[in-house]
Amino acid sequence: MSFLRFFVGLILFCAGGIPLAVQAAPNNITASLVAESGRPAPSKPVFLAFVMKPAPGWHGYWKNPGDAGMETRVEWTLPPGFTAGPLLYPVPHRLMISGIMNYVYEHDYAHPLRLD
């Protein structure tokens, strides 16, 4: 009976650290949103860009990532009357990892778009 208590206690003790380990993961890409102008003209489109900066040794993925990875996706909540155009993707680099083809960005890159 005491072995069972010890075993259950050990499992609960070890499982308690799992959420902390998941939360402690660093961001491998930082993203910032920049605007073409700080003073857009009324009733004119505004051009924006998501500037992406991968950490050293990391990369971002193209809209067709290849055999692995995921593209960048944005979900907008805009005021009535505003629409966001599609993200535009610069030409990626090919990266073969263990026989798996990937289309990636290994350096800083941007996803421009138009906001009407």
PDB file of N, CA and C in Angstrom:
ATOM      1  N   MET A   1       0.819  -1.198   0.000  1.00  0.00           N
ATOM      2  CA  MET A   1       0.000   0.000   0.000  1.00  0.00           C
ATOM      3  C   MET A   1       0.860   1.258   0.000  1.00  0.00           C
ATOM      4  N   SER A   2       1.946   1.272   0.775  1.00  0.00           N
ATOM      5  CA  SER A   2       2.780   2.471   0.814  1.00  0.00           C
ATOM      6  C   SER A   2       3.495   2.682  -0.522  1.00  0.00           C
ATOM      7  N   PHE A   3       3.817   1.587  -1.251  1.00  0.00           N
ATOM      8  CA  PHE A   3       4.436   1.733  -2.567  1.00  0.00           C
ATOM      9  C   PHE A   3       3.465   2.420  -3.524  1.00  0.00           C
ATOM     10  N   LEU A   4       2.184   2.055  -3.466  1.00  0.00           N
ATOM     11  CA  LEU A   4       1.180   2.654  -4.333  1.00  0.00           C
ATOM     12  C   LEU A   4       1.042   4.146  -4.042  1.00  0.00           C
ATOM     13  N   ARG A   5       1.024   4.526  -2.760  1.00  0.00           N
ATOM     14  CA  ARG A   5       0.950   5.944  -2.395  1.00  0.00           C
ATOM     15  C   ARG A   5       2.175   6.693  -2.905  1.00  0.00           C
ATOM     16  N   PHE A   6       3.337   6.089  -2.734  1.00  0.00           N
ATOM     17  CA  PHE A   6       4.571   6.711  -3.206  1.00  0.00           C
ATOM     18  C   PHE A   6       4.518   6.903  -4.725  1.00  0.00           C
ATOM     19  N   PHE A   7       4.081   5.872  -5.444  1.00  0.00           N
ATOM     20  CA  PHE A   7       4.033   5.912  -6.901  1.00  0.00           C
ATOM     21  C   PHE A   7       3.051   6.985  -7.387  1.00  0.00           C
ATOM     22  N   VAL A   8       1.855   7.034  -6.811  1.00  0.00           N
ATOM     23  CA  VAL A   8       0.857   8.041  -7.186  1.00  0.00           C
ATOM     24  C   VAL A   8       1.374   9.437  -6.849  1.00  0.00           C
ATOM     25  N   GLY A   9       1.982   9.594  -5.687  1.00  0.00           N
ATOM     26  CA  GLY A   9       2.553  10.887  -5.307  1.00  0.00           C
ATOM     27  C   GLY A   9       3.649  11.330  -6.262  1.00  0.00           C
ATOM     28  N   LEU A  10       4.493  10.395  -6.684  1.00  0.00           N
ATOM     29  CA  LEU A  10       5.566  10.711  -7.627  1.00  0.00           C
ATOM     30  C   LEU A  10       4.996  11.161  -8.967  1.00  0.00           C
ATOM     31  N   ILE A  11       3.971  10.480  -9.456  1.00  0.00           N
ATOM     32  CA  ILE A  11       3.340  10.858 -10.729  1.00  0.00           C
ATOM     33  C   ILE A  11       2.731  12.256 -10.628  1.00  0.00           C
ATOM     34  N   LEU A  12       2.013  12.533  -9.542  1.00  0.00           N
ATOM     35  CA  LEU A  12       1.408  13.859  -9.373  1.00  0.00           C
ATOM     36  C   LEU A  12       2.467  14.947  -9.253  1.00  0.00           C
ATOM     37  N   PHE A  13       3.553  14.655  -8.566  1.00  0.00           N
ATOM     38  CA  PHE A  13       4.637  15.622  -8.420  1.00  0.00           C
ATOM     39  C   PHE A  13       5.259  15.941  -9.779  1.00  0.00           C
ATOM     40  N   CYS A  14       5.534  14.912 -10.566  1.00  0.00           N
ATOM     41  CA  CYS A  14       6.152  15.104 -11.886  1.00  0.00           C
ATOM     42  C   CYS A  14       5.201  15.792 -12.856  1.00  0.00           C
ATOM     43  N   ALA A  15       3.925  15.463 -12.803  1.00  0.00           N
ATOM     44  CA  ALA A  15       2.954  16.055 -13.721  1.00  0.00           C
ATOM     45  C   ALA A  15       2.722  17.528 -13.422  1.00  0.00           C
ATOM     46  N   GLY A  16       2.981  17.960 -12.204  1.00  0.00           N
ATOM     47  CA  GLY A  16       2.784  19.360 -11.844  1.00  0.00           C
ATOM     48  C   GLY A  16       3.690  20.308 -12.602  1.00  0.00           C
ATOM     49  N   GLY A  17       4.850  19.866 -13.050  1.00  0.00           N
ATOM     50  CA  GLY A  17       5.780  20.730 -13.773  1.00  0.00           C
ATOM     51  C   GLY A  17       5.541  20.804 -15.262  1.00  0.00           C
ATOM     52  N   ILE A  18       4.652  19.984 -15.802  1.00  0.00           N
ATOM     53  CA  ILE A  18       4.424  19.965 -17.249  1.00  0.00           C
ATOM     54  C   ILE A  18       3.874  21.296 -17.761  1.00  0.00           C
ATOM     55  N   PRO A  19       2.840  21.892 -17.170  1.00  0.00           N
ATOM     56  CA  PRO A  19       2.356  23.170 -17.699  1.00  0.00           C
ATOM     57  C   PRO A  19       3.422  24.265 -17.661  1.00  0.00           C
ATOM     58  N   LEU A  20       4.266  24.280 -16.655  1.00  0.00           N
ATOM     59  CA  LEU A  20       5.314  25.293 -16.580  1.00  0.00           C
ATOM     60  C   LEU A  20       6.321  25.124 -17.702  1.00  0.00           C
ATOM     61  N   ALA A  21       6.648  23.901 -18.043  1.00  0.00           N
ATOM     62  CA  ALA A  21       7.609  23.662 -19.118  1.00  0.00           C
ATOM     63  C   ALA A  21       7.050  24.142 -20.450  1.00  0.00           C
ATOM     64  N   VAL A  22       5.767  23.962 -20.681  1.00  0.00           N
ATOM     65  CA  VAL A  22       5.155  24.400 -21.934  1.00  0.00           C
ATOM     66  C   VAL A  22       5.105  25.917 -21.998  1.00  0.00           C
ATOM     67  N   GLN A  23       4.786  26.581 -20.904  1.00  0.00           N
ATOM     68  CA  GLN A  23       4.674  28.029 -20.889  1.00  0.00           C
ATOM     69  C   GLN A  23       6.022  28.725 -21.005  1.00  0.00           C
ATOM     70  N   ALA A  24       7.103  28.061 -20.660  1.00  0.00           N
ATOM     71  CA  ALA A  24       8.409  28.704 -20.640  1.00  0.00           C
ATOM     72  C   ALA A  24       9.075  28.767 -22.007  1.00  0.00           C
ATOM     73  N   ALA A  25       8.454  28.209 -23.050  1.00  0.00           N
ATOM     74  CA  ALA A  25       9.067  28.205 -24.380  1.00  0.00           C
ATOM     75  C   ALA A  25       9.184  29.632 -24.917  1.00  0.00           C
ATOM     76  N   PRO A  26      10.343  30.004 -25.467  1.00  0.00           N
ATOM     77  CA  PRO A  26      10.514  31.356 -26.006  1.00  0.00           C
ATOM     78  C   PRO A  26       9.835  31.491 -27.370  1.00  0.00           C
ATOM     79  N   ASN A  27       9.567  32.735 -27.770  1.00  0.00           N
ATOM     80  CA  ASN A  27       9.069  32.982 -29.121  1.00  0.00           C
ATOM     81  C   ASN A  27      10.240  32.878 -30.079  1.00  0.00           C
ATOM     82  N   ASN A  28      10.093  32.110 -31.125  1.00  0.00           N
ATOM     83  CA  ASN A  28      11.172  31.929 -32.085  1.00  0.00           C
ATOM     84  C   ASN A  28      11.099  32.909 -33.240  1.00  0.00           C
ATOM     85  N   ILE A  29       9.967  33.590 -33.387  1.00  0.00           N
ATOM     86  CA  ILE A  29       9.824  34.666 -34.373  1.00  0.00           C
ATOM     87  C   ILE A  29       9.075  35.806 -33.697  1.00  0.00           C
ATOM     88  N   THR A  30       9.600  37.013 -33.837  1.00  0.00           N
ATOM     89  CA  THR A  30       8.874  38.184 -33.345  1.00  0.00           C
ATOM     90  C   THR A  30       8.221  38.870 -34.541  1.00  0.00           C
ATOM     91  N   ALA A  31       7.021  39.367 -34.328  1.00  0.00           N
ATOM     92  CA  ALA A  31       6.273  40.034 -35.400  1.00  0.00           C
ATOM     93  C   ALA A  31       5.900  41.433 -34.947  1.00  0.00           C
ATOM     94  N   SER A  32       5.990  42.382 -35.866  1.00  0.00           N
ATOM     95  CA  SER A  32       5.522  43.735 -35.581  1.00  0.00           C
ATOM     96  C   SER A  32       4.737  44.235 -36.786  1.00  0.00           C
ATOM     97  N   LEU A  33       3.747  45.062 -36.529  1.00  0.00           N
ATOM     98  CA  LEU A  33       2.910  45.622 -37.583  1.00  0.00           C
ATOM     99  C   LEU A  33       3.346  47.061 -37.810  1.00  0.00           C
ATOM    100  N   VAL A  34       3.716  47.391 -39.043  1.00  0.00           N
ATOM    101  CA  VAL A  34       4.145  48.755 -39.374  1.00  0.00           C
ATOM    102  C   VAL A  34       3.233  49.301 -40.469  1.00  0.00           C
ATOM    103  N   ALA A  35       3.028  50.615 -40.447  1.00  0.00           N
ATOM    104  CA  ALA A  35       2.186  51.283 -41.440  1.00  0.00           C
ATOM    105  C   ALA A  35       3.044  52.135 -42.357  1.00  0.00           C
ATOM    106  N   GLU A  36       2.575  52.275 -43.588  1.00  0.00           N
ATOM    107  CA  GLU A  36       3.262  53.105 -44.573  1.00  0.00           C
ATOM    108  C   GLU A  36       3.328  54.552 -44.088  1.00  0.00           C
ATOM    109  N   SER A  37       2.273  54.995 -43.418  1.00  0.00           N
ATOM    110  CA  SER A  37       2.197  56.377 -42.965  1.00  0.00           C
ATOM    111  C   SER A  37       1.540  56.430 -41.594  1.00  0.00           C
ATOM    112  N   GLY A  38       2.009  57.356 -40.779  1.00  0.00           N
ATOM    113  CA  GLY A  38       1.385  57.579 -39.483  1.00  0.00           C
ATOM    114  C   GLY A  38       0.142  58.441 -39.589  1.00  0.00           C
ATOM    115  N   ARG A  39      -0.067  59.049 -40.770  1.00  0.00           N
ATOM    116  CA  ARG A  39      -1.221  59.917 -41.007  1.00  0.00           C
ATOM    117  C   ARG A  39      -1.881  59.548 -42.331  1.00  0.00           C
ATOM    118  N   PRO A  40      -2.662  58.499 -42.352  1.00  0.00           N
ATOM    119  CA  PRO A  40      -3.306  58.116 -43.613  1.00  0.00           C
ATOM    120  C   PRO A  40      -4.332  59.156 -44.054  1.00  0.00           C
ATOM    121  N   ALA A  41      -4.465  59.314 -45.361  1.00  0.00           N
ATOM    122  CA  ALA A  41      -5.447  60.245 -45.922  1.00  0.00           C
ATOM    123  C   ALA A  41      -6.839  59.627 -45.837  1.00  0.00           C
ATOM    124  N   PRO A  42      -7.851  60.436 -45.530  1.00  0.00           N
ATOM    125  CA  PRO A  42      -9.215  59.907 -45.463  1.00  0.00           C
ATOM    126  C   PRO A  42      -9.635  59.283 -46.798  1.00  0.00           C
ATOM    127  N   SER A  43     -10.356  58.188 -46.723  1.00  0.00           N
ATOM    128  CA  SER A  43     -10.894  57.470 -47.884  1.00  0.00           C
ATOM    129  C   SER A  43      -9.827  56.947 -48.835  1.00  0.00           C
ATOM    130  N   LYS A  44      -8.601  56.828 -48.391  1.00  0.00           N
ATOM    131  CA  LYS A  44      -7.508  56.275 -49.202  1.00  0.00           C
ATOM    132  C   LYS A  44      -7.022  54.985 -48.549  1.00  0.00           C
ATOM    133  N   PRO A  45      -6.522  54.045 -49.348  1.00  0.00           N
ATOM    134  CA  PRO A  45      -5.995  52.814 -48.747  1.00  0.00           C
ATOM    135  C   PRO A  45      -4.737  53.083 -47.924  1.00  0.00           C
ATOM    136  N   VAL A  46      -4.511  52.224 -46.966  1.00  0.00           N
ATOM    137  CA  VAL A  46      -3.301  52.273 -46.135  1.00  0.00           C
ATOM    138  C   VAL A  46      -2.548  50.977 -46.392  1.00  0.00           C
ATOM    139  N   PHE A  47      -1.260  51.083 -46.570  1.00  0.00           N
ATOM    140  CA  PHE A  47      -0.446  49.888 -46.768  1.00  0.00           C
ATOM    141  C   PHE A  47       0.263  49.556 -45.464  1.00  0.00           C
ATOM    142  N   LEU A  48       0.099  48.318 -45.045  1.00  0.00           N
ATOM    143  CA  LEU A  48       0.683  47.821 -43.804  1.00  0.00           C
ATOM    144  C   LEU A  48       1.633  46.681 -44.133  1.00  0.00           C
ATOM    145  N   ALA A  49       2.444  46.306 -43.149  1.00  0.00           N
ATOM    146  CA  ALA A  49       3.295  45.121 -43.305  1.00  0.00           C
ATOM    147  C   ALA A  49       3.529  44.499 -41.943  1.00  0.00           C
ATOM    148  N   PHE A  50       3.468  43.189 -41.913  1.00  0.00           N
ATOM    149  CA  PHE A  50       3.905  42.439 -40.742  1.00  0.00           C
ATOM    150  C   PHE A  50       5.381  42.137 -40.953  1.00  0.00           C
ATOM    151  N   VAL A  51       6.228  42.707 -40.115  1.00  0.00           N
ATOM    152  CA  VAL A  51       7.671  42.477 -40.203  1.00  0.00           C
ATOM    153  C   VAL A  51       8.005  41.326 -39.264  1.00  0.00           C
ATOM    154  N   MET A  52       8.595  40.287 -39.816  1.00  0.00           N
ATOM    155  CA  MET A  52       8.887  39.060 -39.080  1.00  0.00           C
ATOM    156  C   MET A  52      10.393  38.923 -38.890  1.00  0.00           C
ATOM    157  N   LYS A  53      10.806  38.612 -37.666  1.00  0.00           N
ATOM    158  CA  LYS A  53      12.226  38.463 -37.350  1.00  0.00           C
ATOM    159  C   LYS A  53      12.456  37.119 -36.669  1.00  0.00           C
ATOM    160  N   PRO A  54      12.924  36.118 -37.428  1.00  0.00           N
ATOM    161  CA  PRO A  54      13.205  34.815 -36.817  1.00  0.00           C
ATOM    162  C   PRO A  54      14.441  34.882 -35.916  1.00  0.00           C
ATOM    163  N   ALA A  55      14.413  34.134 -34.840  1.00  0.00           N
ATOM    164  CA  ALA A  55      15.589  34.005 -33.968  1.00  0.00           C
ATOM    165  C   ALA A  55      16.679  33.254 -34.739  1.00  0.00           C
ATOM    166  N   PRO A  56      17.939  33.445 -34.374  1.00  0.00           N
ATOM    167  CA  PRO A  56      19.017  32.717 -35.062  1.00  0.00           C
ATOM    168  C   PRO A  56      18.757  31.205 -35.059  1.00  0.00           C
ATOM    169  N   GLY A  57      18.910  30.593 -36.223  1.00  0.00           N
ATOM    170  CA  GLY A  57      18.685  29.155 -36.350  1.00  0.00           C
ATOM    171  C   GLY A  57      17.238  28.772 -36.620  1.00  0.00           C
ATOM    172  N   TRP A  58      16.327  29.739 -36.636  1.00  0.00           N
ATOM    173  CA  TRP A  58      14.909  29.469 -36.874  1.00  0.00           C
ATOM    174  C   TRP A  58      14.503  30.059 -38.213  1.00  0.00           C
ATOM    175  N   HIS A  59      13.288  29.755 -38.658  1.00  0.00           N
ATOM    176  CA  HIS A  59      12.797  30.279 -39.928  1.00  0.00           C
ATOM    177  C   HIS A  59      11.274  30.355 -39.894  1.00  0.00           C
ATOM    178  N   GLY A  60      10.723  31.159 -40.830  1.00  0.00           N
ATOM    179  CA  GLY A  60       9.283  31.230 -41.042  1.00  0.00           C
ATOM    180  C   GLY A  60       8.944  30.516 -42.336  1.00  0.00           C
ATOM    181  N   TYR A  61       7.661  30.265 -42.552  1.00  0.00           N
ATOM    182  CA  TYR A  61       7.224  29.479 -43.704  1.00  0.00           C
ATOM    183  C   TYR A  61       6.472  30.324 -44.725  1.00  0.00           C
ATOM    184  N   TRP A  62       6.600  29.922 -45.987  1.00  0.00           N
ATOM    185  CA  TRP A  62       5.908  30.536 -47.113  1.00  0.00           C
ATOM    186  C   TRP A  62       4.441  30.121 -47.088  1.00  0.00           C
ATOM    187  N   LYS A  63       3.597  30.712 -47.969  1.00  0.00           N
ATOM    188  CA  LYS A  63       2.163  30.369 -48.000  1.00  0.00           C
ATOM    189  C   LYS A  63       1.913  28.912 -48.361  1.00  0.00           C
ATOM    190  N   ASN A  64       2.821  28.304 -49.136  1.00  0.00           N
ATOM    191  CA  ASN A  64       2.803  26.854 -49.356  1.00  0.00           C
ATOM    192  C   ASN A  64       4.067  26.345 -48.683  1.00  0.00           C
ATOM    193  N   PRO A  65       3.988  25.941 -47.416  1.00  0.00           N
ATOM    194  CA  PRO A  65       5.200  25.646 -46.654  1.00  0.00           C
ATOM    195  C   PRO A  65       5.978  24.426 -47.126  1.00  0.00           C
ATOM    196  N   GLY A  66       5.405  23.632 -48.020  1.00  0.00           N
ATOM    197  CA  GLY A  66       6.083  22.404 -48.437  1.00  0.00           C
ATOM    198  C   GLY A  66       5.557  21.231 -47.637  1.00  0.00           C
ATOM    199  N   ASP A  67       6.454  20.346 -47.250  1.00  0.00           N
ATOM    200  CA  ASP A  67       6.053  19.122 -46.557  1.00  0.00           C
ATOM    201  C   ASP A  67       5.869  19.304 -45.052  1.00  0.00           C
ATOM    202  N   ALA A  68       6.286  20.440 -44.520  1.00  0.00           N
ATOM    203  CA  ALA A  68       6.189  20.663 -43.071  1.00  0.00           C
ATOM    204  C   ALA A  68       5.899  22.139 -42.818  1.00  0.00           C
ATOM    205  N   GLY A  69       5.531  22.464 -41.596  1.00  0.00           N
ATOM    206  CA  GLY A  69       5.327  23.860 -41.220  1.00  0.00           C
ATOM    207  C   GLY A  69       3.944  24.376 -41.557  1.00  0.00           C
ATOM    208  N   MET A  70       3.725  25.649 -41.201  1.00  0.00           N
ATOM    209  CA  MET A  70       2.447  26.316 -41.456  1.00  0.00           C
ATOM    210  C   MET A  70       2.714  27.726 -41.937  1.00  0.00           C
ATOM    211  N   GLU A  71       1.863  28.195 -42.826  1.00  0.00           N
ATOM    212  CA  GLU A  71       1.959  29.565 -43.315  1.00  0.00           C
ATOM    213  C   GLU A  71       1.551  30.550 -42.221  1.00  0.00           C
ATOM    214  N   THR A  72       1.875  31.815 -42.422  1.00  0.00           N
ATOM    215  CA  THR A  72       1.416  32.873 -41.520  1.00  0.00           C
ATOM    216  C   THR A  72      -0.050  33.154 -41.828  1.00  0.00           C
ATOM    217  N   ARG A  73      -0.862  33.203 -40.798  1.00  0.00           N
ATOM    218  CA  ARG A  73      -2.286  33.512 -40.952  1.00  0.00           C
ATOM    219  C   ARG A  73      -2.642  34.673 -40.039  1.00  0.00           C
ATOM    220  N   VAL A  74      -3.533  35.530 -40.522  1.00  0.00           N
ATOM    221  CA  VAL A  74      -3.989  36.680 -39.743  1.00  0.00           C
ATOM    222  C   VAL A  74      -5.505  36.679 -39.751  1.00  0.00           C
ATOM    223  N   GLU A  75      -6.087  36.876 -38.590  1.00  0.00           N
ATOM    224  CA  GLU A  75      -7.536  36.981 -38.470  1.00  0.00           C
ATOM    225  C   GLU A  75      -7.843  38.391 -37.983  1.00  0.00           C
ATOM    226  N   TRP A  76      -8.540  39.163 -38.800  1.00  0.00           N
ATOM    227  CA  TRP A  76      -8.803  40.567 -38.506  1.00  0.00           C
ATOM    228  C   TRP A  76     -10.156  40.758 -37.822  1.00  0.00           C
ATOM    229  N   THR A  77     -10.217  41.740 -36.936  1.00  0.00           N
ATOM    230  CA  THR A  77     -11.470  42.268 -36.409  1.00  0.00           C
ATOM    231  C   THR A  77     -11.421  43.760 -36.704  1.00  0.00           C
ATOM    232  N   LEU A  78     -12.104  44.179 -37.760  1.00  0.00           N
ATOM    233  CA  LEU A  78     -12.029  45.555 -38.246  1.00  0.00           C
ATOM    234  C   LEU A  78     -13.358  46.271 -38.045  1.00  0.00           C
ATOM    235  N   PRO A  79     -13.311  47.602 -37.949  1.00  0.00           N
ATOM    236  CA  PRO A  79     -14.558  48.364 -37.869  1.00  0.00           C
ATOM    237  C   PRO A  79     -15.366  48.207 -39.163  1.00  0.00           C
ATOM    238  N   PRO A  80     -16.674  48.443 -39.102  1.00  0.00           N
ATOM    239  CA  PRO A  80     -17.496  48.362 -40.316  1.00  0.00           C
ATOM    240  C   PRO A  80     -16.948  49.283 -41.408  1.00  0.00           C
ATOM    241  N   GLY A  81     -16.958  48.790 -42.639  1.00  0.00           N
ATOM    242  CA  GLY A  81     -16.484  49.584 -43.769  1.00  0.00           C
ATOM    243  C   GLY A  81     -15.015  49.385 -44.106  1.00  0.00           C
ATOM    244  N   PHE A  82     -14.258  48.710 -43.253  1.00  0.00           N
ATOM    245  CA  PHE A  82     -12.840  48.453 -43.515  1.00  0.00           C
ATOM    246  C   PHE A  82     -12.661  47.013 -43.990  1.00  0.00           C
ATOM    247  N   THR A  83     -11.753  46.823 -44.931  1.00  0.00           N
ATOM    248  CA  THR A  83     -11.408  45.477 -45.385  1.00  0.00           C
ATOM    249  C   THR A  83      -9.895  45.368 -45.517  1.00  0.00           C
ATOM    250  N   ALA A  84      -9.381  44.216 -45.184  1.00  0.00           N
ATOM    251  CA  ALA A  84      -7.944  43.953 -45.308  1.00  0.00           C
ATOM    252  C   ALA A  84      -7.726  43.025 -46.490  1.00  0.00           C
ATOM    253  N   GLY A  85      -6.769  43.380 -47.331  1.00  0.00           N
ATOM    254  CA  GLY A  85      -6.411  42.527 -48.460  1.00  0.00           C
ATOM    255  C   GLY A  85      -5.614  41.324 -47.982  1.00  0.00           C
ATOM    256  N   PRO A  86      -5.297  40.425 -48.887  1.00  0.00           N
ATOM    257  CA  PRO A  86      -4.531  39.231 -48.506  1.00  0.00           C
ATOM    258  C   PRO A  86      -3.085  39.579 -48.162  1.00  0.00           C
ATOM    259  N   LEU A  87      -2.490  38.765 -47.307  1.00  0.00           N
ATOM    260  CA  LEU A  87      -1.056  38.906 -47.042  1.00  0.00           C
ATOM    261  C   LEU A  87      -0.304  38.564 -48.318  1.00  0.00           C
ATOM    262  N   LEU A  88       0.705  39.345 -48.622  1.00  0.00           N
ATOM    263  CA  LEU A  88       1.572  39.038 -49.754  1.00  0.00           C
ATOM    264  C   LEU A  88       2.823  38.368 -49.212  1.00  0.00           C
ATOM    265  N   TYR A  89       3.341  37.429 -49.966  1.00  0.00           N
ATOM    266  CA  TYR A  89       4.479  36.629 -49.514  1.00  0.00           C
ATOM    267  C   TYR A  89       5.682  36.862 -50.414  1.00  0.00           C
ATOM    268  N   PRO A  90       6.835  37.237 -49.859  1.00  0.00           N
ATOM    269  CA  PRO A  90       8.040  37.328 -50.681  1.00  0.00           C
ATOM    270  C   PRO A  90       8.469  35.937 -51.150  1.00  0.00           C
ATOM    271  N   VAL A  91       9.343  35.906 -52.143  1.00  0.00           N
ATOM    272  CA  VAL A  91       9.839  34.628 -52.664  1.00  0.00           C
ATOM    273  C   VAL A  91      10.658  33.934 -51.575  1.00  0.00           C
ATOM    274  N   PRO A  92      10.350  32.660 -51.276  1.00  0.00           N
ATOM    275  CA  PRO A  92      11.051  31.948 -50.198  1.00  0.00           C
ATOM    276  C   PRO A  92      12.328  31.264 -50.691  1.00  0.00           C
ATOM    277  N   HIS A  93      13.036  30.691 -49.736  1.00  0.00           N
ATOM    278  CA  HIS A  93      14.189  29.830 -50.026  1.00  0.00           C
ATOM    279  C   HIS A  93      13.733  28.387 -49.862  1.00  0.00           C
ATOM    280  N   ARG A  94      14.361  27.490 -50.598  1.00  0.00           N
ATOM    281  CA  ARG A  94      14.093  26.062 -50.398  1.00  0.00           C
ATOM    282  C   ARG A  94      15.031  25.546 -49.324  1.00  0.00           C
ATOM    283  N   LEU A  95      14.490  24.724 -48.443  1.00  0.00           N
ATOM    284  CA  LEU A  95      15.284  24.134 -47.370  1.00  0.00           C
ATOM    285  C   LEU A  95      14.912  22.656 -47.257  1.00  0.00           C
ATOM    286  N   MET A  96      15.870  21.783 -47.530  1.00  0.00           N
ATOM    287  CA  MET A  96      15.646  20.338 -47.431  1.00  0.00           C
ATOM    288  C   MET A  96      16.151  19.876 -46.067  1.00  0.00           C
ATOM    289  N   ILE A  97      15.264  19.278 -45.276  1.00  0.00           N
ATOM    290  CA  ILE A  97      15.632  18.752 -43.962  1.00  0.00           C
ATOM    291  C   ILE A  97      15.207  17.293 -43.914  1.00  0.00           C
ATOM    292  N   SER A  98      16.160  16.398 -43.782  1.00  0.00           N
ATOM    293  CA  SER A  98      15.894  14.952 -43.696  1.00  0.00           C
ATOM    294  C   SER A  98      14.990  14.464 -44.823  1.00  0.00           C
ATOM    295  N   GLY A  99      15.230  14.946 -46.036  1.00  0.00           N
ATOM    296  CA  GLY A  99      14.437  14.526 -47.180  1.00  0.00           C
ATOM    297  C   GLY A  99      13.091  15.205 -47.298  1.00  0.00           C
ATOM    298  N   ILE A 100      12.806  16.170 -46.437  1.00  0.00           N
ATOM    299  CA  ILE A 100      11.532  16.890 -46.458  1.00  0.00           C
ATOM    300  C   ILE A 100      11.786  18.291 -47.008  1.00  0.00           C
ATOM    301  N   MET A 101      11.082  18.657 -48.101  1.00  0.00           N
ATOM    302  CA  MET A 101      11.247  19.967 -48.720  1.00  0.00           C
ATOM    303  C   MET A 101      10.396  20.998 -47.990  1.00  0.00           C
ATOM    304  N   ASN A 102      11.011  22.128 -47.654  1.00  0.00           N
ATOM    305  CA  ASN A 102      10.341  23.233 -46.991  1.00  0.00           C
ATOM    306  C   ASN A 102      10.610  24.503 -47.782  1.00  0.00           C
ATOM    307  N   TYR A 103       9.655  25.429 -47.778  1.00  0.00           N
ATOM    308  CA  TYR A 103       9.826  26.743 -48.391  1.00  0.00           C
ATOM    309  C   TYR A 103       9.781  27.752 -47.253  1.00  0.00           C
ATOM    310  N   VAL A 104      10.922  28.389 -46.998  1.00  0.00           N
ATOM    311  CA  VAL A 104      11.087  29.138 -45.754  1.00  0.00           C
ATOM    312  C   VAL A 104      11.726  30.506 -45.981  1.00  0.00           C
ATOM    313  N   TYR A 105      11.683  31.287 -44.909  1.00  0.00           N
ATOM    314  CA  TYR A 105      12.416  32.551 -44.794  1.00  0.00           C
ATOM    315  C   TYR A 105      13.372  32.382 -43.622  1.00  0.00           C
ATOM    316  N   GLU A 106      14.662  32.441 -43.894  1.00  0.00           N
ATOM    317  CA  GLU A 106      15.654  32.231 -42.838  1.00  0.00           C
ATOM    318  C   GLU A 106      16.162  33.541 -42.240  1.00  0.00           C
ATOM    319  N   HIS A 107      15.785  34.670 -42.832  1.00  0.00           N
ATOM    320  CA  HIS A 107      16.202  35.988 -42.344  1.00  0.00           C
ATOM    321  C   HIS A 107      14.950  36.842 -42.158  1.00  0.00           C
ATOM    322  N   ASP A 108      15.125  38.084 -41.728  1.00  0.00           N
ATOM    323  CA  ASP A 108      13.990  38.986 -41.556  1.00  0.00           C
ATOM    324  C   ASP A 108      13.221  39.106 -42.877  1.00  0.00           C
ATOM    325  N   TYR A 109      11.897  39.178 -42.780  1.00  0.00           N
ATOM    326  CA  TYR A 109      11.050  39.312 -43.964  1.00  0.00           C
ATOM    327  C   TYR A 109       9.774  40.040 -43.578  1.00  0.00           C
ATOM    328  N   ALA A 110       8.975  40.424 -44.579  1.00  0.00           N
ATOM    329  CA  ALA A 110       7.741  41.159 -44.312  1.00  0.00           C
ATOM    330  C   ALA A 110       6.611  40.620 -45.175  1.00  0.00           C
ATOM    331  N   HIS A 111       5.390  40.696 -44.615  1.00  0.00           N
ATOM    332  CA  HIS A 111       4.161  40.362 -45.341  1.00  0.00           C
ATOM    333  C   HIS A 111       3.382  41.666 -45.524  1.00  0.00           C
ATOM    334  N   PRO A 112       3.498  42.320 -46.683  1.00  0.00           N
ATOM    335  CA  PRO A 112       2.720  43.543 -46.893  1.00  0.00           C
ATOM    336  C   PRO A 112       1.261  43.222 -47.212  1.00  0.00           C
ATOM    337  N   LEU A 113       0.395  44.212 -46.991  1.00  0.00           N
ATOM    338  CA  LEU A 113      -1.019  44.078 -47.324  1.00  0.00           C
ATOM    339  C   LEU A 113      -1.640  45.452 -47.433  1.00  0.00           C
ATOM    340  N   ARG A 114      -2.801  45.488 -48.038  1.00  0.00           N
ATOM    341  CA  ARG A 114      -3.528  46.745 -48.231  1.00  0.00           C
ATOM    342  C   ARG A 114      -4.758  46.745 -47.327  1.00  0.00           C
ATOM    343  N   LEU A 115      -4.995  47.872 -46.679  1.00  0.00           N
ATOM    344  CA  LEU A 115      -6.169  48.052 -45.822  1.00  0.00           C
ATOM    345  C   LEU A 115      -7.015  49.154 -46.434  1.00  0.00           C
ATOM    346  N   ASP A 116      -8.260  48.817 -46.808  1.00  0.00           N
ATOM    347  CA  ASP A 116      -9.185  49.804 -47.399  1.00  0.00           C
ATOM    348  C   ASP A 116     -10.238  50.188 -46.387  1.00  0.00           C
TER     349      ASP A 116
END
